Protein backbone atom coordinates (compact mmCIF):
# COMPACT_ATOMS: atom_id res chain seq x y z
CA MET A 1 11.81 -11.71 2.09
CA PRO A 2 14.46 -12.58 4.67
CA ARG A 3 14.26 -9.21 6.47
CA ARG A 4 10.68 -7.98 6.78
CA ASP A 5 10.95 -4.44 8.06
CA GLY A 6 9.28 -1.31 6.72
CA GLY A 7 12.12 -0.57 4.34
CA SER A 8 12.02 -3.95 2.64
CA TRP A 9 8.21 -3.86 2.33
CA ASN A 10 8.34 -0.35 0.89
CA ALA A 11 11.02 -1.35 -1.62
CA ILE A 12 9.21 -4.43 -2.91
CA ILE A 13 5.85 -2.64 -3.16
CA SER A 14 7.40 0.25 -5.09
CA ALA A 15 9.31 -2.15 -7.35
CA SER A 16 6.17 -4.18 -8.09
CA SER A 17 4.30 -1.01 -8.96
CA ARG A 18 7.05 0.28 -11.27
CA ALA A 19 7.37 -3.14 -12.93
CA GLY A 20 3.72 -3.04 -13.96
CA HIS A 21 2.31 -5.46 -11.39
CA PRO A 22 -0.28 -3.30 -9.63
CA ALA A 23 -2.37 -6.16 -8.22
CA GLU A 24 0.72 -7.73 -6.64
CA ALA A 25 1.82 -4.39 -5.20
CA PHE A 26 -1.59 -3.77 -3.68
CA SER A 27 -1.69 -7.30 -2.25
CA LEU A 28 1.71 -6.74 -0.66
CA PHE A 29 0.48 -3.43 0.76
CA ALA A 30 -2.48 -5.22 2.34
CA ASP A 31 -0.10 -7.84 3.82
CA MET A 32 2.15 -5.09 5.16
CA ASN A 33 -0.82 -3.37 6.74
CA SER A 34 -2.09 -6.58 8.33
CA LEU A 35 1.29 -6.94 10.06
CA GLY A 36 1.00 -3.41 11.45
CA ILE A 37 3.94 -2.01 9.50
CA ARG A 38 3.49 1.68 8.68
CA PRO A 39 3.97 2.64 5.04
CA LYS A 40 6.17 5.51 3.97
CA ASP A 41 4.80 8.28 1.77
CA VAL A 42 6.53 6.81 -1.29
CA THR A 43 4.73 3.51 -0.65
CA LEU A 44 1.38 5.28 -0.51
CA ALA A 45 2.16 7.00 -3.80
CA SER A 46 3.00 3.63 -5.37
CA VAL A 47 -0.21 2.06 -4.08
CA LEU A 48 -2.35 4.92 -5.34
CA ALA A 49 -0.64 4.66 -8.74
CA CYS A 50 -1.53 0.96 -8.74
CA CYS A 51 -5.15 1.83 -8.05
CA VAL A 52 -5.14 4.09 -11.09
CA LEU A 53 -3.66 1.34 -13.23
CA LEU A 54 -6.29 -1.06 -11.95
CA SER A 55 -9.00 1.58 -12.49
CA ALA A 56 -10.36 0.61 -9.11
CA LEU A 57 -12.13 3.18 -6.99
CA THR A 58 -12.63 0.57 -4.26
CA CYS A 59 -8.85 0.15 -4.21
CA VAL A 60 -8.43 3.87 -3.45
CA VAL A 61 -11.08 3.77 -0.73
CA HIS A 62 -9.59 0.63 0.83
CA SER A 63 -6.04 2.07 0.72
CA GLY A 64 -7.22 5.30 2.29
CA TYR A 65 -9.06 3.45 5.04
CA MET A 66 -5.96 1.35 5.85
CA VAL A 67 -3.79 4.46 6.08
CA ILE A 68 -6.32 6.40 8.17
CA SER A 69 -6.83 3.52 10.60
CA GLN A 70 -3.11 2.85 10.89
CA ARG A 71 -2.16 6.46 11.53
CA GLY A 72 -4.79 6.85 14.20
CA ALA A 73 -6.98 9.41 12.46
CA SER A 74 -10.72 9.07 12.48
CA SER A 75 -12.49 7.96 9.32
CA PRO A 76 -14.06 10.80 7.33
CA MET A 77 -17.15 8.66 6.70
């Protein structure tokens, strides 16, 4: 990706999800998070849809933790 801002990350994650590549979309979401880029709500919806496709509860928990920690809220656990 030549321009790596929030918009481009959100677009590629959503596109990967819609194209039926949930593992790739989730991996991109993790990369985005590691760079400190905040996801938009549509990105979170795409990632959660990927978790459903992957049938992965740990994916949901991990996604939720990344969002909670990034937005500054305390963990519910």
